[in-house]
C-alpha atoms as a PDB file:
ATOM      1  CA  MET A   1     139.315 180.459 198.710  1.00  0.00           C
ATOM      2  CA  ASN A   2     135.900 179.058 197.001  1.00  0.00           C
ATOM      3  CA  TYR A   3     134.994 175.736 198.638  1.00  0.00           C
ATOM      4  CA  GLN A   4     131.621 174.476 198.771  1.00  0.00           C
ATOM      5  CA  ILE A   5     129.163 173.042 202.078  1.00  0.00           C
ATOM      6  CA  LYS A   6     127.829 169.680 201.457  1.00  0.00           C
ATOM      7  CA  LYS A   7     126.105 166.543 203.357  1.00  0.00           C
ATOM      8  CA  ILE A   8     128.252 164.381 203.653  1.00  0.00           C
ATOM      9  CA  THR A   9     128.101 160.630 201.458  1.00  0.00           C
ATOM     10  CA  PRO A  10     129.904 157.543 201.736  1.00  0.00           C
ATOM     11  CA  LYS A  11     132.238 158.920 199.453  1.00  0.00           C
ATOM     12  CA  HIS A  12     134.010 161.003 201.799  1.00  0.00           C
ATOM     13  CA  ASP A  13     134.003 158.999 204.313  1.00  0.00           C
ATOM     14  CA  SER A  14     137.562 157.750 203.835  1.00  0.00           C
ATOM     15  CA  LYS A  15     139.301 161.061 203.504  1.00  0.00           C
ATOM     16  CA  VAL A  16     136.976 162.304 206.272  1.00  0.00           C
ATOM     17  CA  CYS A  17     138.242 159.583 209.066  1.00  0.00           C
ATOM     18  CA  GLU A  18     141.881 160.258 207.990  1.00  0.00           C
ATOM     19  CA  ILE A  19     141.159 164.141 208.730  1.00  0.00           C
ATOM     20  CA  ILE A  20     139.626 163.899 211.878  1.00  0.00           C
ATOM     21  CA  LYS A  21     142.342 160.946 213.260  1.00  0.00           C
ATOM     22  CA  THR A  22     145.184 163.442 211.583  1.00  0.00           C
ATOM     23  CA  VAL A  23     144.371 166.461 213.219  1.00  0.00           C
ATOM     24  CA  GLY A  24     142.727 164.733 216.356  1.00  0.00           C
ATOM     25  CA  GLY A  25     146.961 163.550 216.780  1.00  0.00           C
ATOM     26  CA  GLU A  26     148.055 167.495 216.136  1.00  0.00           C
ATOM     27  CA  PHE A  27     146.415 168.391 218.970  1.00  0.00           C
ATOM     28  CA  GLY A  28     147.277 165.548 221.337  1.00  0.00           C
ATOM     29  CA  ALA A  29     144.045 163.590 220.587  1.00  0.00           C
ATOM     30  CA  ILE A  30     144.768 159.644 220.311  1.00  0.00           C
ATOM     31  CA  GLY A  31     142.926 156.769 221.873  1.00  0.00           C
ATOM     32  CA  GLU A  32     140.427 156.254 224.659  1.00  0.00           C
ATOM     33  CA  GLY A  33     138.378 159.440 225.689  1.00  0.00           C
ATOM     34  CA  PHE A  34     138.839 161.682 222.483  1.00  0.00           C
ATOM     35  CA  GLY A  35     136.500 161.892 220.017  1.00  0.00           C
ATOM     36  CA  PRO A  36     138.719 161.076 217.262  1.00  0.00           C
ATOM     37  CA  SER A  37     138.707 157.427 219.229  1.00  0.00           C
ATOM     38  CA  ASP A  38     135.151 156.924 217.926  1.00  0.00           C
ATOM     39  CA  SER A  39     133.588 154.764 215.686  1.00  0.00           C
ATOM     40  CA  GLU A  40     131.728 156.190 214.041  1.00  0.00           C
ATOM     41  CA  VAL A  41     134.862 157.859 212.683  1.00  0.00           C
ATOM     42  CA  LEU A  42     135.232 155.262 209.956  1.00  0.00           C
ATOM     43  CA  ALA A  43     132.283 155.211 208.257  1.00  0.00           C
ATOM     44  CA  MET A  44     130.750 159.180 209.361  1.00  0.00           C
ATOM     45  CA  SER A  45     127.993 159.188 206.532  1.00  0.00           C
ATOM     46  CA  GLN A  46     126.467 156.495 208.146  1.00  0.00           C
ATOM     47  CA  HIS A  47     125.560 157.690 211.591  1.00  0.00           C
ATOM     48  CA  TYR A  48     124.529 160.430 210.741  1.00  0.00           C
ATOM     49  CA  SER A  49     121.078 161.379 209.126  1.00  0.00           C
ATOM     50  CA  ASP A  50     117.967 163.867 208.986  1.00  0.00           C
ATOM     51  CA  ASP A  51     116.154 160.501 209.944  1.00  0.00           C
ATOM     52  CA  SER A  52     117.843 160.373 213.401  1.00  0.00           C
ATOM     53  CA  SER A  53     117.728 164.434 213.766  1.00  0.00           C
ATOM     54  CA  SER A  54     121.735 164.198 212.820  1.00  0.00           C
ATOM     55  CA  LEU A  55     123.890 166.627 210.290  1.00  0.00           C
ATOM     56  CA  TYR A  56     127.761 165.807 208.918  1.00  0.00           C
ATOM     57  CA  LEU A  57     128.585 168.390 206.664  1.00  0.00           C
ATOM     58  CA  VAL A  58     132.082 168.248 205.062  1.00  0.00           C
ATOM     59  CA  ALA A  59     133.867 171.074 203.009  1.00  0.00           C
ATOM     60  CA  ILE A  60     135.443 171.017 200.085  1.00  0.00           C
ATOM     61  CA  VAL A  61     138.624 172.803 198.329  1.00  0.00           C
ATOM     62  CA  GLY A  62     138.814 172.079 193.801  1.00  0.00           C
ATOM     63  CA  GLY A  63     136.691 168.712 195.090  1.00  0.00           C
ATOM     64  CA  ASN A  64     139.097 167.648 197.387  1.00  0.00           C
ATOM     65  CA  VAL A  65     137.381 167.177 201.156  1.00  0.00           C
ATOM     66  CA  VAL A  66     139.264 169.875 203.263  1.00  0.00           C
ATOM     67  CA  GLY A  67     137.361 168.920 206.574  1.00  0.00           C
ATOM     68  CA  GLY A  68     133.577 168.776 208.322  1.00  0.00           C
ATOM     69  CA  SER A  69     131.174 169.042 211.449  1.00  0.00           C
ATOM     70  CA  GLY A  70     128.576 168.078 213.002  1.00  0.00           C
ATOM     71  CA  VAL A  71     125.392 167.858 215.248  1.00  0.00           C
ATOM     72  CA  ALA A  72     123.582 164.535 216.809  1.00  0.00           C
ATOM     73  CA  ALA A  73     121.084 164.053 220.019  1.00  0.00           C
ATOM     74  CA  LEU A  74     124.245 163.838 222.917  1.00  0.00           C
ATOM     75  CA  ASN A  75     123.884 160.486 224.191  1.00  0.00           C
ATOM     76  CA  GLY A  76     119.578 160.267 223.340  1.00  0.00           C
ATOM     77  CA  SER A  77     118.658 163.056 224.604  1.00  0.00           C
ATOM     78  CA  LYS A  78     115.901 165.741 222.675  1.00  0.00           C
ATOM     79  CA  GLU A  79     116.404 168.624 224.034  1.00  0.00           C
ATOM     80  CA  VAL A  80     120.528 168.841 224.197  1.00  0.00           C
ATOM     81  CA  CYS A  81     122.723 168.110 220.901  1.00  0.00           C
ATOM     82  CA  GLU A  82     126.482 167.907 220.732  1.00  0.00           C
ATOM     83  CA  LEU A  83     128.778 169.886 217.874  1.00  0.00           C
ATOM     84  CA  ARG A  84     130.888 167.003 217.034  1.00  0.00           C
ATOM     85  CA  LYS A  85     134.263 166.179 215.163  1.00  0.00           C
ATOM     86  CA  LEU A  86     134.797 169.880 213.884  1.00  0.00           C
ATOM     87  CA  PHE A  87     137.814 169.106 212.281  1.00  0.00           C
ATOM     88  CA  LEU A  88     140.086 170.818 209.642  1.00  0.00           C
ATOM     89  CA  LEU A  89     143.326 170.360 207.296  1.00  0.00           C
ATOM     90  CA  PRO A  90     146.184 172.618 208.331  1.00  0.00           C
ATOM     91  CA  GLU A  91     146.051 174.885 205.183  1.00  0.00           C
ATOM     92  CA  VAL A  92     142.256 175.773 205.394  1.00  0.00           C
ATOM     93  CA  ARG A  93     141.991 177.064 208.851  1.00  0.00           C
ATOM     94  CA  GLY A  94     141.732 180.412 209.378  1.00  0.00           C
ATOM     95  CA  ARG A  95     139.048 181.103 205.962  1.00  0.00           C
ATOM     96  CA  GLY A  96     135.735 181.377 207.621  1.00  0.00           C
ATOM     97  CA  ILE A  97     135.285 177.627 207.072  1.00  0.00           C
ATOM     98  CA  GLY A  98     134.983 176.561 210.590  1.00  0.00           C
ATOM     99  CA  LYS A  99     132.950 179.469 211.661  1.00  0.00           C
ATOM    100  CA  GLU A 100     130.279 178.253 207.889  1.00  0.00           C
ATOM    101  CA  LEU A 101     130.134 174.372 209.201  1.00  0.00           C
ATOM    102  CA  ALA A 102     129.311 174.913 212.443  1.00  0.00           C
ATOM    103  CA  GLU A 103     126.967 177.816 212.183  1.00  0.00           C
ATOM    104  CA  SER A 104     125.043 175.214 209.690  1.00  0.00           C
ATOM    105  CA  CYS A 105     124.787 172.572 212.683  1.00  0.00           C
ATOM    106  CA  LEU A 106     124.056 174.673 215.029  1.00  0.00           C
ATOM    107  CA  LYS A 107     120.624 175.903 212.603  1.00  0.00           C
ATOM    108  CA  TYR A 108     120.213 172.805 211.422  1.00  0.00           C
ATOM    109  CA  ALA A 109     119.770 171.887 216.118  1.00  0.00           C
ATOM    110  CA  SER A 110     117.305 174.046 216.007  1.00  0.00           C
ATOM    111  CA  ASN A 111     115.308 173.835 213.856  1.00  0.00           C
ATOM    112  CA  LYS A 112     115.278 169.987 214.731  1.00  0.00           C
ATOM    113  CA  GLY A 113     113.871 171.805 218.603  1.00  0.00           C
ATOM    114  CA  TYR A 114     117.040 171.344 220.563  1.00  0.00           C
ATOM    115  CA  LYS A 115     117.395 173.527 223.017  1.00  0.00           C
ATOM    116  CA  LYS A 116     121.027 173.720 223.604  1.00  0.00           C
ATOM    117  CA  CYS A 117     124.475 172.511 222.434  1.00  0.00           C
ATOM    118  CA  TYR A 118     127.546 170.757 224.059  1.00  0.00           C
ATOM    119  CA  LEU A 119     130.339 169.982 223.057  1.00  0.00           C
ATOM    120  CA  ASP A 120     134.079 168.855 224.485  1.00  0.00           C
ATOM    121  CA  THR A 121     137.492 169.650 223.319  1.00  0.00           C
ATOM    122  CA  LEU A 122     141.025 170.753 224.483  1.00  0.00           C
ATOM    123  CA  GLY A 123     142.442 174.408 225.769  1.00  0.00           C
ATOM    124  CA  ASN A 124     144.790 173.652 223.129  1.00  0.00           C
ATOM    125  CA  MET A 125     142.303 173.816 220.148  1.00  0.00           C
ATOM    126  CA  GLU A 126     143.144 177.589 220.960  1.00  0.00           C
ATOM    127  CA  ALA A 127     141.664 178.492 217.222  1.00  0.00           C
ATOM    128  CA  ALA A 128     138.395 177.073 218.130  1.00  0.00           C
ATOM    129  CA  ILE A 129     137.596 177.361 221.196  1.00  0.00           C
ATOM    130  CA  SER A 130     138.238 181.257 220.611  1.00  0.00           C
ATOM    131  CA  LEU A 131     135.651 180.972 217.679  1.00  0.00           C
ATOM    132  CA  TYR A 132     133.498 178.671 219.768  1.00  0.00           C
ATOM    133  CA  GLU A 133     132.736 181.321 222.942  1.00  0.00           C
ATOM    134  CA  LYS A 134     132.100 183.904 219.738  1.00  0.00           C
ATOM    135  CA  LEU A 135     130.204 181.924 218.171  1.00  0.00           C
ATOM    136  CA  GLY A 136     128.421 181.832 221.863  1.00  0.00           C
ATOM    137  CA  PHE A 137     129.245 179.116 223.354  1.00  0.00           C
ATOM    138  CA  LYS A 138     130.063 178.929 227.698  1.00  0.00           C
ATOM    139  CA  HIS A 139     132.323 177.325 229.268  1.00  0.00           C
ATOM    140  CA  LEU A 140     131.571 175.538 231.957  1.00  0.00           C
ATOM    141  CA  ALA A 141     133.108 173.815 234.921  1.00  0.00           C
ATOM    142  CA  LYS A 142     132.730 170.069 234.011  1.00  0.00           C
ATOM    143  CA  PRO A 143     131.468 168.069 231.721  1.00  0.00           C
ATOM    144  CA  LEU A 144     127.863 167.238 231.220  1.00  0.00           C
ATOM    145  CA  GLU A 145     127.058 163.198 232.784  1.00  0.00           C
ATOM    146  CA  GLU A 146     126.223 162.501 228.965  1.00  0.00           C
ATOM    147  CA  SER A 147     129.847 163.118 228.008  1.00  0.00           C
ATOM    148  CA  ILE A 148     131.309 159.781 226.561  1.00  0.00           C
ATOM    149  CA  HIS A 149     135.079 162.026 226.264  1.00  0.00           C
ATOM    150  CA  ASN A 150     136.864 161.886 229.447  1.00  0.00           C
ATOM    151  CA  GLY A 151     139.490 162.964 227.930  1.00  0.00           C
ATOM    152  CA  CYS A 152     138.857 166.953 226.826  1.00  0.00           C
ATOM    153  CA  ASP A 153     139.298 169.178 229.391  1.00  0.00           C
ATOM    154  CA  VAL A 154     137.437 171.925 227.631  1.00  0.00           C
ATOM    155  CA  TRP A 155     133.458 171.474 228.297  1.00  0.00           C
ATOM    156  CA  MET A 156     130.880 174.241 226.931  1.00  0.00           C
ATOM    157  CA  LEU A 157     127.336 174.716 225.980  1.00  0.00           C
ATOM    158  CA  LYS A 158     125.503 177.059 224.281  1.00  0.00           C
ATOM    159  CA  GLU A 159     121.490 177.753 224.142  1.00  0.00           C
ATOM    160  CA  LEU A 160     119.821 177.318 221.099  1.00  0.00           C
END
């Protein structure tokens, strides 16, 4: 499958919002305490910029956005970032797109001087958890204090 990975722009915002909310709903990530309900989801391009040492990437197949992933400081930390909102449409999962998105975000984070990367997710997102484990994320017994997603039940951390 041919695809492109690009930095998000305002023209991608509505489709990215739709994907995050739809895929979040598929896995029960609905309401407060879950990433899809964060206010940034409505206009992701406005919340991720090199100026703030953050990045959101979109995956494009045949001219259509099929998913994305981002990385940004965890609650303003200079050393710990968070892998955020890695969501893909069902028809493109299992093809390496999520891996490339995540690896690109982690490389960016490392280049920006972050020392660790945190993420939180749901236990029923088994394919995502498997990917994170393969990328070197280790399971935590509880979320980091700075985390805002109290609905999640899986917490992971990776040394960069």
